[in-house]
Protein backbone atom coordinates (compact mmCIF):
# COMPACT_ATOMS: atom_id res chain seq x y z
CA MET A 1 -17.64 15.09 2.18
CA THR A 2 -15.68 15.93 -0.98
CA ARG A 3 -14.37 13.22 -3.20
CA ILE A 4 -11.57 14.06 -5.52
CA PRO A 5 -10.00 11.31 -7.64
CA LEU A 6 -6.35 11.67 -7.96
CA PRO A 7 -3.98 9.50 -10.06
CA PHE A 8 -1.90 7.42 -7.82
CA LEU A 9 0.61 4.70 -8.35
CA PHE A 10 1.59 2.31 -5.57
CA LEU A 11 4.67 0.04 -5.75
CA ALA A 12 5.27 -2.42 -3.10
CA LEU A 13 8.51 -4.43 -2.90
CA THR A 14 9.63 -7.27 -0.59
CA VAL A 15 6.71 -9.36 0.48
CA LEU A 16 4.21 -6.66 -0.66
CA ALA A 17 5.64 -3.74 1.18
CA GLY A 18 6.24 -6.00 4.12
CA CYS A 19 2.59 -6.17 4.85
CA ALA A 20 0.96 -9.21 6.33
CA SER A 21 3.97 -11.59 5.32
CA PRO A 22 2.34 -13.69 2.76
CA ARG A 23 3.74 -17.34 2.73
CA LEU A 24 5.79 -17.31 -0.52
CA ASP A 25 6.21 -21.20 -0.28
CA ALA A 26 2.57 -21.45 -1.16
CA THR A 27 1.22 -21.82 -4.56
CA ALA A 28 1.47 -18.82 -7.01
CA GLU A 29 -2.34 -18.57 -6.95
CA SER A 30 -2.67 -18.40 -3.07
CA THR A 31 0.19 -15.87 -2.88
CA GLU A 32 -1.41 -13.66 -5.31
CA ALA A 33 -4.79 -13.89 -3.50
CA GLU A 34 -3.10 -13.07 -0.29
CA LEU A 35 -1.28 -10.07 -1.76
CA ARG A 36 -4.37 -8.78 -3.30
CA SER A 37 -6.28 -9.05 0.08
CA THR A 38 -3.35 -7.23 1.75
CA ILE A 39 -3.49 -4.30 -0.82
CA SER A 40 -7.34 -4.11 -0.23
CA ARG A 41 -6.80 -4.13 3.55
CA PHE A 42 -4.19 -1.26 3.15
CA SER A 43 -6.75 0.75 1.17
CA ASP A 44 -9.59 0.13 3.71
CA LEU A 45 -7.38 1.01 6.66
CA SER A 46 -6.18 4.13 5.03
CA GLY A 47 -9.82 5.24 4.55
CA GLN A 48 -10.17 5.01 8.33
CA GLY A 49 -7.20 7.19 8.70
CA ASP A 50 -5.59 5.26 11.66
CA LEU A 51 -1.99 5.59 11.06
CA GLU A 52 -0.89 3.14 13.74
CA GLU A 53 -3.20 0.41 12.42
CA VAL A 54 -1.98 0.93 8.93
CA MET A 55 1.55 0.78 10.05
CA ALA A 56 1.00 -2.40 11.99
CA GLN A 57 0.19 -4.03 8.73
CA PHE A 58 3.98 -3.77 7.76
CA ASP A 59 6.41 -6.31 8.97
CA ASP A 60 9.13 -4.67 11.32
CA GLY A 61 12.13 -6.06 9.49
CA ALA A 62 10.89 -5.74 5.86
CA GLU A 63 12.30 -3.45 3.37
CA PHE A 64 9.46 -1.63 1.50
CA ILE A 65 8.94 1.44 -0.67
CA LEU A 66 5.81 3.41 -1.66
CA ILE A 67 5.92 5.37 -4.83
CA GLY A 68 3.33 8.03 -5.69
CA SER A 69 2.47 9.63 -8.96
CA ASP A 70 3.92 13.09 -8.14
CA LYS A 71 7.38 14.14 -8.54
CA GLY A 72 9.37 13.36 -5.40
CA GLU A 73 6.78 10.91 -4.01
CA VAL A 74 9.27 8.04 -3.19
CA PHE A 75 9.02 6.76 0.31
CA LYS A 76 11.49 4.05 1.26
CA GLY A 77 11.45 2.45 4.74
CA ARG A 78 9.17 2.44 7.68
CA GLU A 79 9.87 6.10 8.86
CA ALA A 80 9.53 7.70 5.41
CA VAL A 81 6.23 5.85 4.83
CA ARG A 82 4.91 6.71 8.29
CA ALA A 83 5.82 10.44 7.78
CA TRP A 84 4.17 10.59 4.36
CA LEU A 85 0.88 8.77 5.37
CA GLY A 86 0.77 10.84 8.63
CA THR A 87 0.86 14.03 6.69
CA LEU A 88 -1.88 12.70 4.33
CA TYR A 89 -4.06 11.46 7.17
CA LYS A 90 -3.86 14.81 9.02
CA ALA A 91 -5.51 16.60 6.17
CA ASN A 92 -7.92 14.03 4.60
CA GLY A 93 -9.34 10.57 4.66
CA PHE A 94 -8.68 8.56 1.59
CA SER A 95 -8.71 5.26 0.06
CA TRP A 96 -7.82 3.84 -3.47
CA GLY A 97 -10.03 2.64 -6.37
CA MET A 98 -7.91 -0.19 -7.72
CA GLU A 99 -7.77 -0.29 -11.50
CA ARG A 100 -4.92 -2.70 -12.25
CA ILE A 101 -2.94 -4.97 -9.89
CA GLU A 102 0.04 -6.86 -11.23
CA ILE A 103 1.84 -9.32 -8.92
CA SER A 104 5.12 -11.02 -9.38
CA ARG A 105 7.37 -13.18 -7.22
CA HIS A 106 10.71 -14.83 -7.20
CA GLU A 107 11.82 -17.17 -4.32
CA ASP A 108 10.85 -15.43 -1.03
CA THR A 109 10.23 -12.04 -2.49
CA ALA A 110 7.02 -10.70 -4.08
CA TRP A 111 6.05 -7.25 -5.53
CA ALA A 112 3.01 -5.54 -6.78
CA PHE A 113 2.38 -2.81 -9.17
CA VAL A 114 -0.98 -1.21 -8.51
CA GLU A 115 -2.51 1.57 -10.68
CA CYS A 116 -5.35 3.37 -9.04
CA LYS A 117 -7.08 6.43 -8.23
CA MET A 118 -6.81 7.96 -4.83
CA VAL A 119 -10.23 9.00 -3.47
CA VAL A 120 -9.90 11.86 -1.04
CA ARG A 121 -12.53 12.82 1.43
CA SER A 122 -12.12 16.16 3.38
CA LYS A 123 -12.46 15.82 7.07
């Protein structure tokens, strides 16, 4: 198994990329804890390489975007994210080493900026 750290930026909009629908009427602290848990679960599931399980974490009706660190790595909406992750999962297993997570919210919308290193494991 080869581990290659790659820089990666992950931006999630509208209820953290639509994942797990945190209750935004809760306190700021509980919302932030739930969003951090969701980010961690996304990374853990990516490490397993199960695309269907990862995509099941996103709410069907949510608008979301994932932004990578390389030119052109902007994936908006369910199908774009599915296609990109599917390509990644075919070639390698990976997860993220989280270095910085910033979470903000306004009314019923929350977003996260996550700076991390992608850890790639060859299959």
